[in-house]
């Protein structure tokens, strides 16, 4: 419980201190949007690193050399914890937006940072709006911003290792040709979700699999890209269970 209190207090102070920084970045964005976004990324990554430190997480990172740093990518990951975002976002090598649920728009200050960082907000109940979100993500990739999406659609709270992927999540790569980077996380749920109202220092494994290029796949795998990536993540998730 003490660890949770410390992290919550830190987060409140961090967000309050960030208010004047947001104002400065807003003014800067009028003349140099790219630089404002780069500073936003560095500031948020620093904040997430502090949260990870206070939580006591020991993250074992594997395959990070598989992530291209000279081109935008589509990160596709399994999702079991809020800490999936904290632990992966603090490592992205370039501007990256996350596709988040629309409810995040109601979180003051934090939602503003997310907008600065090209995050998009998905209404899972509105198919038309969901399509527009994907189209916007396609434009962002074309303009050099990587995108992270969790194709399970929500945090996996089931006993299954991985639930079904939404095929529409992969239109971003299909329409842009950007590489897909499967991101496999193990044991992040042990930090918080397995015991609400407490944070536990846990050993977490994050593995970045080799990039997938749509034009190098067979026609069948291109058609069923959701199943193709699902199998890669599922197999790696099961393999890495022995590491935690």
Protein backbone atom coordinates (compact mmCIF):
# COMPACT_ATOMS: atom_id res chain seq x y z
CA UNK A 1 0.00 0.00 0.00
CA UNK A 2 2.84 2.41 0.86
CA UNK A 3 4.39 1.99 -2.58
CA UNK A 4 1.04 2.80 -4.21
CA UNK A 5 0.63 5.94 -2.12
CA UNK A 6 4.12 7.13 -3.05
CA UNK A 7 3.48 6.59 -6.77
CA UNK A 8 0.09 8.33 -6.65
CA UNK A 9 1.58 11.33 -4.82
CA UNK A 10 4.42 11.48 -7.33
CA UNK A 11 1.96 11.37 -10.23
CA UNK A 12 -0.14 14.19 -8.78
CA UNK A 13 2.93 16.39 -8.21
CA UNK A 14 4.31 15.53 -11.67
CA UNK A 15 1.08 16.51 -13.41
CA UNK A 16 0.76 19.77 -11.45
CA UNK A 17 4.37 20.74 -12.17
CA UNK A 18 3.80 19.94 -15.83
CA UNK A 19 1.09 22.61 -16.21
CA UNK A 20 3.46 25.55 -16.83
CA UNK A 21 5.58 23.31 -19.07
CA UNK A 22 2.49 22.59 -21.15
CA UNK A 23 1.93 26.32 -21.52
CA UNK A 24 5.50 26.84 -22.74
CA UNK A 25 5.17 23.95 -25.17
CA UNK A 26 1.86 25.31 -26.45
CA UNK A 27 3.54 28.62 -27.26
CA UNK A 28 6.52 26.82 -28.81
CA UNK A 29 4.26 24.66 -30.97
CA UNK A 30 3.06 27.76 -32.80
CA UNK A 31 6.50 28.20 -34.35
CA UNK A 32 8.11 24.76 -34.04
CA UNK A 33 5.64 21.91 -33.57
CA UNK A 34 8.23 19.19 -34.12
CA UNK A 35 10.51 20.50 -31.39
CA UNK A 36 7.57 20.86 -28.98
CA UNK A 37 6.64 17.22 -29.57
CA UNK A 38 10.24 16.07 -29.04
CA UNK A 39 10.42 17.88 -25.70
CA UNK A 40 7.03 16.45 -24.72
CA UNK A 41 8.29 12.94 -25.49
CA UNK A 42 11.42 13.42 -23.39
CA UNK A 43 9.43 14.85 -20.47
CA UNK A 44 6.83 12.07 -20.45
CA UNK A 45 9.47 9.36 -20.83
CA UNK A 46 11.34 10.78 -17.84
CA UNK A 47 8.10 10.74 -15.83
CA UNK A 48 7.41 7.12 -16.73
CA UNK A 49 10.96 6.12 -15.82
CA UNK A 50 10.46 7.67 -12.39
CA UNK A 51 7.21 5.74 -11.94
CA UNK A 52 8.94 2.49 -12.91
CA UNK A 53 11.73 3.22 -10.42
CA UNK A 54 9.32 4.01 -7.59
CA UNK A 55 7.34 0.87 -8.36
CA UNK A 56 10.47 -1.26 -8.14
CA UNK A 57 9.89 -2.97 -11.48
CA UNK A 58 12.78 -4.99 -12.87
CA UNK A 59 12.27 -4.99 -16.63
CA UNK A 60 14.19 -7.48 -18.73
CA UNK A 61 14.32 -6.10 -22.27
CA UNK A 62 14.89 -8.47 -25.18
CA UNK A 63 15.15 -7.88 -28.94
CA UNK A 64 15.20 -4.10 -28.80
CA UNK A 65 17.65 -4.12 -31.70
CA UNK A 66 14.74 -5.29 -33.86
CA UNK A 67 13.08 -1.87 -33.67
CA UNK A 68 13.99 0.38 -36.63
CA UNK A 69 14.92 3.89 -35.50
CA UNK A 70 14.90 5.55 -38.92
CA UNK A 71 11.28 4.95 -39.87
CA UNK A 72 7.87 4.96 -38.18
CA UNK A 73 6.53 1.57 -37.13
CA UNK A 74 3.32 0.00 -35.90
CA UNK A 75 3.86 -1.51 -32.46
CA UNK A 76 1.37 -4.32 -31.81
CA UNK A 77 1.27 -5.74 -28.31
CA UNK A 78 -0.59 -7.91 -25.87
CA UNK A 79 -2.24 -5.96 -23.09
CA UNK A 80 -2.69 -7.10 -19.48
CA UNK A 81 -1.82 -4.03 -17.42
CA UNK A 82 -1.73 -0.24 -17.30
CA UNK A 83 2.01 -0.70 -16.86
CA UNK A 84 2.31 -2.06 -20.41
CA UNK A 85 2.12 1.56 -21.52
CA UNK A 86 4.43 2.95 -18.83
CA UNK A 87 7.18 0.40 -19.47
CA UNK A 88 7.09 0.44 -23.27
CA UNK A 89 6.55 4.14 -23.87
CA UNK A 90 9.61 5.12 -21.89
CA UNK A 91 11.72 3.16 -24.43
CA UNK A 92 10.37 4.31 -27.80
CA UNK A 93 13.21 5.79 -29.91
CA UNK A 94 11.07 8.30 -31.82
CA UNK A 95 7.76 10.13 -31.65
CA UNK A 96 5.05 7.56 -30.93
CA UNK A 97 1.33 7.88 -30.39
CA UNK A 98 -0.83 5.32 -28.61
CA UNK A 99 -4.39 4.46 -29.55
CA UNK A 100 -6.23 4.74 -26.25
CA UNK A 101 -9.83 4.39 -25.14
CA UNK A 102 -11.85 7.61 -25.38
CA UNK A 103 -12.37 7.65 -21.59
CA UNK A 104 -8.78 8.88 -21.25
CA UNK A 105 -9.95 12.24 -22.61
CA UNK A 106 -11.61 12.85 -19.23
CA UNK A 107 -8.31 12.64 -17.31
CA UNK A 108 -7.19 16.26 -16.77
CA UNK A 109 -3.65 17.30 -17.69
CA UNK A 110 -2.68 13.76 -18.73
CA UNK A 111 -5.00 13.86 -21.74
CA UNK A 112 -3.31 17.09 -22.86
CA UNK A 113 0.08 15.41 -22.79
CA UNK A 114 -1.35 12.52 -24.77
CA UNK A 115 -2.62 14.92 -27.44
CA UNK A 116 0.81 16.58 -27.65
CA UNK A 117 2.26 13.13 -28.29
CA UNK A 118 -0.13 12.24 -31.13
CA UNK A 119 -2.17 9.78 -29.10
CA UNK A 120 -5.60 9.00 -30.51
CA UNK A 121 -8.78 8.24 -28.62
CA UNK A 122 -10.97 5.37 -29.77
CA UNK A 123 -14.68 5.03 -29.14
CA UNK A 124 -15.03 1.25 -29.15
CA UNK A 125 -18.82 1.49 -29.36
CA UNK A 126 -18.88 3.64 -32.49
CA UNK A 127 -17.70 1.78 -35.60
CA UNK A 128 -17.67 4.89 -37.80
CA UNK A 129 -15.64 6.88 -35.29
CA UNK A 130 -13.30 3.92 -34.85
CA UNK A 131 -12.63 3.86 -38.59
CA UNK A 132 -11.87 7.58 -38.53
CA UNK A 133 -9.37 7.02 -35.70
CA UNK A 134 -7.57 4.38 -37.78
CA UNK A 135 -7.51 6.73 -40.81
CA UNK A 136 -6.00 9.45 -38.64
CA UNK A 137 -3.38 6.97 -37.39
CA UNK A 138 -2.51 6.14 -41.01
CA UNK A 139 -1.89 9.82 -41.71
CA UNK A 140 0.33 10.12 -38.64
CA UNK A 141 2.48 7.17 -39.73
CA UNK A 142 2.79 8.70 -43.21
CA UNK A 143 4.02 11.88 -41.51
CA UNK A 144 6.69 10.05 -39.50
CA UNK A 145 5.02 9.18 -36.19
CA UNK A 146 4.99 5.60 -34.94
CA UNK A 147 1.75 4.19 -33.54
CA UNK A 148 1.14 1.64 -30.79
CA UNK A 149 -2.08 -0.37 -30.76
CA UNK A 150 -3.42 -3.17 -28.63
CA UNK A 151 -5.53 -5.25 -31.04
CA UNK A 152 -7.19 -7.22 -28.24
CA UNK A 153 -9.19 -4.01 -27.82
CA UNK A 154 -8.91 -3.87 -24.04
CA UNK A 155 -6.85 -5.24 -21.18
CA UNK A 156 -7.01 -9.01 -21.10
CA UNK A 157 -8.63 -9.90 -17.78
CA UNK A 158 -9.36 -13.52 -18.76
CA UNK A 159 -7.47 -16.72 -18.02
CA UNK A 160 -6.48 -16.96 -21.68
CA UNK A 161 -2.91 -16.05 -22.58
CA UNK A 162 -4.14 -13.90 -25.46
CA UNK A 163 -7.60 -13.05 -26.74
CA UNK A 164 -8.69 -12.54 -30.33
CA UNK A 165 -7.23 -9.63 -32.31
CA UNK A 166 -9.34 -7.09 -34.18
CA UNK A 167 -8.42 -7.23 -37.86
CA UNK A 168 -8.97 -3.51 -38.35
CA UNK A 169 -5.99 -2.73 -36.12
CA UNK A 170 -3.66 -3.77 -38.92
CA UNK A 171 -5.01 -1.38 -41.57
CA UNK A 172 -2.38 1.09 -40.38
CA UNK A 173 0.40 -1.17 -41.67
CA UNK A 174 -1.58 -2.35 -44.69
CA UNK A 175 -2.14 1.20 -45.92
CA UNK A 176 1.30 2.62 -45.13
CA UNK A 177 3.64 -0.33 -45.59
CA UNK A 178 5.31 0.48 -42.26
CA UNK A 179 6.95 -2.41 -40.39
CA UNK A 180 4.93 -4.15 -37.70
CA UNK A 181 6.80 -4.72 -34.44
CA UNK A 182 5.16 -7.36 -32.22
CA UNK A 183 5.75 -6.40 -28.58
CA UNK A 184 5.31 -9.20 -26.05
CA UNK A 185 5.02 -8.36 -22.35
CA UNK A 186 5.01 -10.93 -19.56
CA UNK A 187 4.01 -10.43 -15.94
CA UNK A 188 3.06 -6.74 -15.98
CA UNK A 189 -0.24 -7.68 -14.36
CA UNK A 190 1.75 -8.78 -11.28
CA UNK A 191 2.65 -5.13 -10.63
CA UNK A 192 -0.89 -3.95 -9.91
CA UNK A 193 -3.82 -5.78 -11.48
CA UNK A 194 -3.31 -9.05 -9.57
CA UNK A 195 -3.66 -7.26 -6.22
CA UNK A 196 -5.56 -3.94 -6.46
CA UNK A 197 -4.70 -1.21 -3.95
CA UNK A 198 -1.09 -2.33 -3.84
CA UNK A 199 1.95 -2.13 -6.09
CA UNK A 200 4.41 -5.01 -6.10
CA UNK A 201 7.99 -4.89 -7.31
CA UNK A 202 7.93 -7.47 -10.09
CA UNK A 203 10.15 -8.99 -12.72
CA UNK A 204 8.76 -8.15 -16.15
CA UNK A 205 9.92 -9.34 -19.56
CA UNK A 206 9.41 -7.18 -22.65
CA UNK A 207 10.43 -8.65 -25.98
CA UNK A 208 10.45 -6.89 -29.34
CA UNK A 209 10.08 -9.44 -32.12
CA UNK A 210 11.55 -9.08 -35.59
CA UNK A 211 9.80 -6.54 -37.83
CA UNK A 212 7.11 -7.80 -40.16
CA UNK A 213 6.80 -6.23 -43.61
CA UNK A 214 3.48 -6.75 -45.32
CA UNK A 215 4.98 -6.93 -48.81
CA UNK A 216 7.22 -9.83 -47.76
CA UNK A 217 4.31 -12.01 -46.63
CA UNK A 218 2.35 -14.46 -48.70
CA UNK A 219 -1.07 -13.37 -49.96
CA UNK A 220 -2.69 -15.66 -47.39
CA UNK A 221 -0.72 -14.19 -44.49
CA UNK A 222 -1.44 -10.66 -45.69
CA UNK A 223 -5.15 -11.47 -45.74
CA UNK A 224 -5.01 -12.95 -42.24
CA UNK A 225 -2.40 -10.61 -40.79
CA UNK A 226 -4.29 -10.45 -37.48
CA UNK A 227 -3.95 -14.22 -37.01
CA UNK A 228 -0.34 -14.18 -38.24
CA UNK A 229 0.75 -11.59 -35.65
CA UNK A 230 -1.50 -13.13 -32.97
CA UNK A 231 0.35 -16.45 -33.32
CA UNK A 232 3.77 -14.78 -33.08
CA UNK A 233 2.83 -12.93 -29.89
CA UNK A 234 1.08 -15.93 -28.35
CA UNK A 235 4.02 -18.26 -28.96
CA UNK A 236 6.54 -15.77 -27.60
CA UNK A 237 4.35 -15.01 -24.58
CA UNK A 238 4.18 -18.69 -23.68
CA UNK A 239 7.90 -19.13 -24.27
CA UNK A 240 8.78 -16.19 -22.00
CA UNK A 241 6.60 -17.38 -19.13
CA UNK A 242 9.60 -19.41 -17.97
CA UNK A 243 11.61 -16.18 -17.53
CA UNK A 244 9.42 -14.58 -14.86
